[in-house]
C-alpha atoms as a PDB file:
ATOM      1  CA  MET A   1     -17.885 -13.983  17.324  1.00  0.00           C
ATOM      2  CA  LEU A   2     -17.298 -11.009  15.010  1.00  0.00           C
ATOM      3  CA  ASP A   3     -18.944  -7.605  15.157  1.00  0.00           C
ATOM      4  CA  HIS A   4     -21.453  -6.081  12.755  1.00  0.00           C
ATOM      5  CA  GLU A   5     -18.619  -5.047  10.446  1.00  0.00           C
ATOM      6  CA  ALA A   6     -17.756  -8.672   9.719  1.00  0.00           C
ATOM      7  CA  PRO A   7     -17.230  -9.600   6.085  1.00  0.00           C
ATOM      8  CA  CYS A   8     -19.738 -11.710   4.189  1.00  0.00           C
ATOM      9  CA  ALA A   9     -16.939 -13.860   2.782  1.00  0.00           C
ATOM     10  CA  LEU A  10     -13.426 -14.945   3.617  1.00  0.00           C
ATOM     11  CA  ILE A  11     -11.353 -16.374   0.778  1.00  0.00           C
ATOM     12  CA  VAL A  12      -8.640 -18.655   2.161  1.00  0.00           C
ATOM     13  CA  MET A  13      -5.963 -18.616  -0.516  1.00  0.00           C
ATOM     14  CA  GLY A  14      -2.543 -20.078  -1.296  1.00  0.00           C
ATOM     15  CA  VAL A  15      -0.811 -22.664  -3.399  1.00  0.00           C
ATOM     16  CA  ALA A  16      -1.830 -26.318  -3.557  1.00  0.00           C
ATOM     17  CA  GLY A  17      -0.874 -28.075  -0.343  1.00  0.00           C
ATOM     18  CA  SER A  18      -0.881 -24.923   1.808  1.00  0.00           C
ATOM     19  CA  GLY A  19      -3.885 -26.214   3.760  1.00  0.00           C
ATOM     20  CA  LYS A  20      -6.637 -24.070   2.232  1.00  0.00           C
ATOM     21  CA  SER A  21      -9.437 -26.605   2.569  1.00  0.00           C
ATOM     22  CA  THR A  22      -8.429 -27.726   6.059  1.00  0.00           C
ATOM     23  CA  ILE A  23      -8.065 -24.179   7.371  1.00  0.00           C
ATOM     24  CA  ALA A  24     -11.144 -22.810   5.592  1.00  0.00           C
ATOM     25  CA  GLU A  25     -13.340 -25.646   6.855  1.00  0.00           C
ATOM     26  CA  ALA A  26     -12.075 -25.253  10.436  1.00  0.00           C
ATOM     27  CA  LEU A  27     -12.455 -21.466  10.251  1.00  0.00           C
ATOM     28  CA  ALA A  28     -16.017 -21.765   8.935  1.00  0.00           C
ATOM     29  CA  ALA A  29     -16.882 -24.183  11.748  1.00  0.00           C
ATOM     30  CA  LYS A  30     -15.407 -21.837  14.353  1.00  0.00           C
ATOM     31  CA  LEU A  31     -17.348 -18.859  12.956  1.00  0.00           C
ATOM     32  CA  GLY A  32     -20.546 -20.809  12.296  1.00  0.00           C
ATOM     33  CA  TRP A  33     -20.365 -19.835   8.609  1.00  0.00           C
ATOM     34  CA  ARG A  34     -20.881 -21.957   5.522  1.00  0.00           C
ATOM     35  CA  PHE A  35     -17.789 -23.587   3.979  1.00  0.00           C
ATOM     36  CA  ALA A  36     -17.223 -24.043   0.246  1.00  0.00           C
ATOM     37  CA  ASP A  37     -14.221 -25.699  -1.353  1.00  0.00           C
ATOM     38  CA  GLY A  38     -13.261 -23.880  -4.540  1.00  0.00           C
ATOM     39  CA  ASP A  39     -12.234 -27.214  -6.052  1.00  0.00           C
ATOM     40  CA  ALA A  40     -15.916 -28.169  -6.207  1.00  0.00           C
ATOM     41  CA  PHE A  41     -16.508 -25.328  -8.683  1.00  0.00           C
ATOM     42  CA  HIS A  42     -13.973 -26.628 -11.243  1.00  0.00           C
ATOM     43  CA  PRO A  43     -15.508 -28.012 -14.413  1.00  0.00           C
ATOM     44  CA  ALA A  44     -14.621 -31.645 -15.153  1.00  0.00           C
ATOM     45  CA  SER A  45     -12.251 -30.511 -17.909  1.00  0.00           C
ATOM     46  CA  ASN A  46     -10.101 -28.601 -15.384  1.00  0.00           C
ATOM     47  CA  VAL A  47      -9.945 -31.563 -13.009  1.00  0.00           C
ATOM     48  CA  ALA A  48      -8.970 -33.879 -15.890  1.00  0.00           C
ATOM     49  CA  LYS A  49      -6.269 -31.472 -17.044  1.00  0.00           C
ATOM     50  CA  MET A  50      -4.723 -31.139 -13.573  1.00  0.00           C
ATOM     51  CA  SER A  51      -5.033 -34.882 -12.923  1.00  0.00           C
ATOM     52  CA  ALA A  52      -3.012 -35.444 -16.081  1.00  0.00           C
ATOM     53  CA  GLY A  53      -0.280 -33.193 -14.688  1.00  0.00           C
ATOM     54  CA  HIS A  54      -1.015 -30.135 -16.835  1.00  0.00           C
ATOM     55  CA  PRO A  55      -1.296 -26.695 -15.234  1.00  0.00           C
ATOM     56  CA  LEU A  56      -4.410 -24.665 -15.917  1.00  0.00           C
ATOM     57  CA  THR A  57      -4.291 -21.636 -18.172  1.00  0.00           C
ATOM     58  CA  ASP A  58      -6.023 -18.359 -17.433  1.00  0.00           C
ATOM     59  CA  ASP A  59      -8.700 -19.319 -19.956  1.00  0.00           C
ATOM     60  CA  ASP A  60      -9.326 -22.489 -17.915  1.00  0.00           C
ATOM     61  CA  ARG A  61      -9.601 -20.485 -14.711  1.00  0.00           C
ATOM     62  CA  TRP A  62     -11.960 -17.610 -15.639  1.00  0.00           C
ATOM     63  CA  PRO A  63     -15.240 -19.616 -15.626  1.00  0.00           C
ATOM     64  CA  TRP A  64     -14.172 -21.358 -12.405  1.00  0.00           C
ATOM     65  CA  LEU A  65     -13.397 -18.081 -10.666  1.00  0.00           C
ATOM     66  CA  GLN A  66     -16.646 -16.521 -11.868  1.00  0.00           C
ATOM     67  CA  ALA A  67     -18.611 -19.483 -10.494  1.00  0.00           C
ATOM     68  CA  ILE A  68     -17.026 -18.915  -7.070  1.00  0.00           C
ATOM     69  CA  ALA A  69     -17.713 -15.158  -7.243  1.00  0.00           C
ATOM     70  CA  ASP A  70     -21.335 -15.905  -8.144  1.00  0.00           C
ATOM     71  CA  GLU A  71     -21.626 -18.198  -5.119  1.00  0.00           C
ATOM     72  CA  ILE A  72     -20.215 -15.500  -2.811  1.00  0.00           C
ATOM     73  CA  ASP A  73     -22.768 -13.030  -4.199  1.00  0.00           C
ATOM     74  CA  ALA A  74     -25.626 -15.513  -3.793  1.00  0.00           C
ATOM     75  CA  VAL A  75     -24.711 -16.225  -0.161  1.00  0.00           C
ATOM     76  CA  ALA A  76     -24.315 -12.509   0.610  1.00  0.00           C
ATOM     77  CA  ASP A  77     -27.626 -11.676  -1.106  1.00  0.00           C
ATOM     78  CA  ARG A  78     -29.338 -14.132   1.264  1.00  0.00           C
ATOM     79  CA  GLY A  79     -27.653 -12.447   4.239  1.00  0.00           C
ATOM     80  CA  GLY A  80     -25.313 -15.364   4.810  1.00  0.00           C
ATOM     81  CA  GLN A  81     -21.578 -15.662   5.323  1.00  0.00           C
ATOM     82  CA  ILE A  82     -19.154 -18.051   3.687  1.00  0.00           C
ATOM     83  CA  VAL A  83     -15.553 -19.176   3.917  1.00  0.00           C
ATOM     84  CA  VAL A  84     -14.181 -20.304   0.551  1.00  0.00           C
ATOM     85  CA  ALA A  85     -10.969 -22.245  -0.051  1.00  0.00           C
ATOM     86  CA  CYS A  86      -9.537 -21.045  -3.372  1.00  0.00           C
ATOM     87  CA  SER A  87      -5.982 -20.741  -4.656  1.00  0.00           C
ATOM     88  CA  ALA A  88      -6.520 -17.166  -5.983  1.00  0.00           C
ATOM     89  CA  LEU A  89      -2.867 -17.091  -7.019  1.00  0.00           C
ATOM     90  CA  LYS A  90      -2.887 -13.879  -9.076  1.00  0.00           C
ATOM     91  CA  ARG A  91      -4.276 -10.416  -8.448  1.00  0.00           C
ATOM     92  CA  ALA A  92      -6.415 -10.735 -11.605  1.00  0.00           C
ATOM     93  CA  TYR A  93      -7.996 -13.890 -10.163  1.00  0.00           C
ATOM     94  CA  ARG A  94      -8.663 -12.187  -6.836  1.00  0.00           C
ATOM     95  CA  ASP A  95     -10.185  -9.227  -8.685  1.00  0.00           C
ATOM     96  CA  VAL A  96     -12.752 -11.603 -10.225  1.00  0.00           C
ATOM     97  CA  LEU A  97     -13.530 -13.121  -6.822  1.00  0.00           C
ATOM     98  CA  VAL A  98     -13.768  -9.854  -4.892  1.00  0.00           C
ATOM     99  CA  HIS A  99     -15.054  -7.701  -7.812  1.00  0.00           C
ATOM    100  CA  GLY A 100     -14.993  -4.481  -5.843  1.00  0.00           C
ATOM    101  CA  ARG A 101     -16.830  -5.776  -2.769  1.00  0.00           C
ATOM    102  CA  ASP A 102     -15.560  -4.288   0.483  1.00  0.00           C
ATOM    103  CA  ASP A 103     -17.097  -7.123   2.502  1.00  0.00           C
ATOM    104  CA  VAL A 104     -14.868  -9.890   1.117  1.00  0.00           C
ATOM    105  CA  ARG A 105     -11.527 -10.516   2.824  1.00  0.00           C
ATOM    106  CA  LEU A 106      -8.514 -12.541   1.737  1.00  0.00           C
ATOM    107  CA  VAL A 107      -6.726 -14.912   4.103  1.00  0.00           C
ATOM    108  CA  TYR A 108      -3.319 -15.755   2.638  1.00  0.00           C
ATOM    109  CA  LEU A 109      -1.713 -19.000   3.829  1.00  0.00           C
ATOM    110  CA  ASP A 110       1.996 -18.339   3.517  1.00  0.00           C
ATOM    111  CA  GLY A 111       4.452 -21.217   3.455  1.00  0.00           C
ATOM    112  CA  SER A 112       7.783 -22.225   1.971  1.00  0.00           C
ATOM    113  CA  GLN A 113       8.009 -24.399  -1.109  1.00  0.00           C
ATOM    114  CA  PRO A 114       9.964 -27.166   0.704  1.00  0.00           C
ATOM    115  CA  LEU A 115       7.339 -27.391   3.487  1.00  0.00           C
ATOM    116  CA  ILE A 116       4.458 -27.507   1.012  1.00  0.00           C
ATOM    117  CA  ALA A 117       6.270 -30.044  -1.204  1.00  0.00           C
ATOM    118  CA  GLU A 118       6.637 -32.293   1.847  1.00  0.00           C
ATOM    119  CA  ARG A 119       2.913 -31.996   2.572  1.00  0.00           C
ATOM    120  CA  LEU A 120       1.933 -32.685  -1.039  1.00  0.00           C
ATOM    121  CA  ALA A 121       4.145 -35.770  -1.152  1.00  0.00           C
ATOM    122  CA  SER A 122       2.183 -37.303   1.725  1.00  0.00           C
ATOM    123  CA  ARG A 123      -1.287 -36.249   0.483  1.00  0.00           C
ATOM    124  CA  LYS A 124      -3.472 -39.001  -0.902  1.00  0.00           C
ATOM    125  CA  GLY A 125      -6.564 -38.920  -3.085  1.00  0.00           C
ATOM    126  CA  HIS A 126      -6.302 -35.394  -4.485  1.00  0.00           C
ATOM    127  CA  PHE A 127      -6.379 -34.611  -8.203  1.00  0.00           C
ATOM    128  CA  MET A 128      -3.521 -32.079  -7.959  1.00  0.00           C
ATOM    129  CA  PRO A 129      -0.236 -33.951  -8.415  1.00  0.00           C
ATOM    130  CA  PRO A 130       2.863 -32.769  -6.505  1.00  0.00           C
ATOM    131  CA  GLY A 131       4.592 -32.146  -9.850  1.00  0.00           C
ATOM    132  CA  LEU A 132       2.464 -29.043 -10.399  1.00  0.00           C
ATOM    133  CA  LEU A 133       3.790 -27.277  -7.285  1.00  0.00           C
ATOM    134  CA  ASP A 134       6.515 -25.480  -9.255  1.00  0.00           C
ATOM    135  CA  SER A 135       3.870 -24.015 -11.571  1.00  0.00           C
ATOM    136  CA  GLN A 136       1.797 -22.940  -8.552  1.00  0.00           C
ATOM    137  CA  PHE A 137       4.724 -21.006  -7.064  1.00  0.00           C
ATOM    138  CA  ALA A 138       5.614 -19.565 -10.489  1.00  0.00           C
ATOM    139  CA  THR A 139       2.049 -18.253 -10.817  1.00  0.00           C
ATOM    140  CA  LEU A 140       1.678 -17.045  -7.208  1.00  0.00           C
ATOM    141  CA  ARG A 141       1.575 -13.309  -6.651  1.00  0.00           C
ATOM    142  CA  PRO A 142       1.010 -12.832  -2.922  1.00  0.00           C
ATOM    143  CA  PRO A 143      -1.643 -10.246  -2.119  1.00  0.00           C
ATOM    144  CA  GLY A 144      -0.430  -6.688  -1.787  1.00  0.00           C
ATOM    145  CA  THR A 145      -1.082  -4.448   1.183  1.00  0.00           C
ATOM    146  CA  ASP A 146      -3.726  -2.623  -0.884  1.00  0.00           C
ATOM    147  CA  GLU A 147      -5.741  -5.876  -0.810  1.00  0.00           C
ATOM    148  CA  SER A 148      -5.719  -5.790   3.031  1.00  0.00           C
ATOM    149  CA  PRO A 149      -4.985  -9.501   3.361  1.00  0.00           C
ATOM    150  CA  ILE A 150      -4.825 -11.444   6.557  1.00  0.00           C
ATOM    151  CA  THR A 151      -1.502 -13.259   6.193  1.00  0.00           C
ATOM    152  CA  VAL A 152      -0.644 -16.252   8.365  1.00  0.00           C
ATOM    153  CA  SER A 153       2.212 -18.718   8.363  1.00  0.00           C
ATOM    154  CA  ILE A 154       1.250 -22.321   7.730  1.00  0.00           C
ATOM    155  CA  ASN A 155       4.150 -23.522   9.861  1.00  0.00           C
ATOM    156  CA  ALA A 156       1.837 -24.114  12.842  1.00  0.00           C
ATOM    157  CA  THR A 157      -1.051 -26.298  13.947  1.00  0.00           C
ATOM    158  CA  VAL A 158      -4.546 -25.757  12.568  1.00  0.00           C
ATOM    159  CA  ASP A 159      -5.698 -24.333  15.925  1.00  0.00           C
ATOM    160  CA  VAL A 160      -2.812 -21.839  16.050  1.00  0.00           C
ATOM    161  CA  ILE A 161      -3.480 -20.761  12.448  1.00  0.00           C
ATOM    162  CA  ILE A 162      -7.213 -20.288  13.133  1.00  0.00           C
ATOM    163  CA  THR A 163      -6.432 -18.260  16.267  1.00  0.00           C
ATOM    164  CA  ALA A 164      -4.037 -16.051  14.267  1.00  0.00           C
ATOM    165  CA  ILE A 165      -6.643 -15.468  11.542  1.00  0.00           C
ATOM    166  CA  LEU A 166      -9.362 -14.587  14.050  1.00  0.00           C
ATOM    167  CA  ALA A 167      -7.039 -12.229  15.933  1.00  0.00           C
ATOM    168  CA  GLN A 168      -6.205 -10.340  12.731  1.00  0.00           C
ATOM    169  CA  LEU A 169      -9.831 -10.336  11.618  1.00  0.00           C
ATOM    170  CA  THR A 170     -11.142  -8.872  14.866  1.00  0.00           C
ATOM    171  CA  ASP A 171      -8.254  -6.375  15.120  1.00  0.00           C
ATOM    172  CA  ARG A 172      -9.134  -4.810  11.756  1.00  0.00           C
ATOM    173  CA  LYS A 173     -12.119  -2.797  10.800  1.00  0.00           C
ATOM    174  CA  MET A 174     -13.607  -3.317   7.372  1.00  0.00           C
ATOM    175  CA  PRO A 175     -12.876  -0.461   4.941  1.00  0.00           C
END
């Protein structure tokens, strides 16, 4: 679907409830790439902390982010491609994930706090309680233009969002 300049990894990022896992999994299926949910890389201590309603600190996040970066490298080293769902809320976090690679692209799922709060309120079976949404938005630093993100609104259907991501991805050449 993409040309030879396609990235080895797409990191689908945004706050909790923005649809990262849903979009990343659908995007990976459409591209025929592997999907990985960043949540699966959290140590048990992080999951317990968030389940108890406590936001993670940077010290909690560094090993988690490094584990995801290591997975991206391992997939790329094998010649594979991966779509990862990961909040990547701050530039420093994204710097760990991308670590200077020019073949990793960010896909930023942009949505309003009221829309995401409504989605979180109806979500069942996830360790991230809706009460942590304020801390997610307080931490969020949307990617800057120098990060060359693909930015899409989440105020659409999954199919429309995937189409918008693919259109931006194929319209841009890798640096």
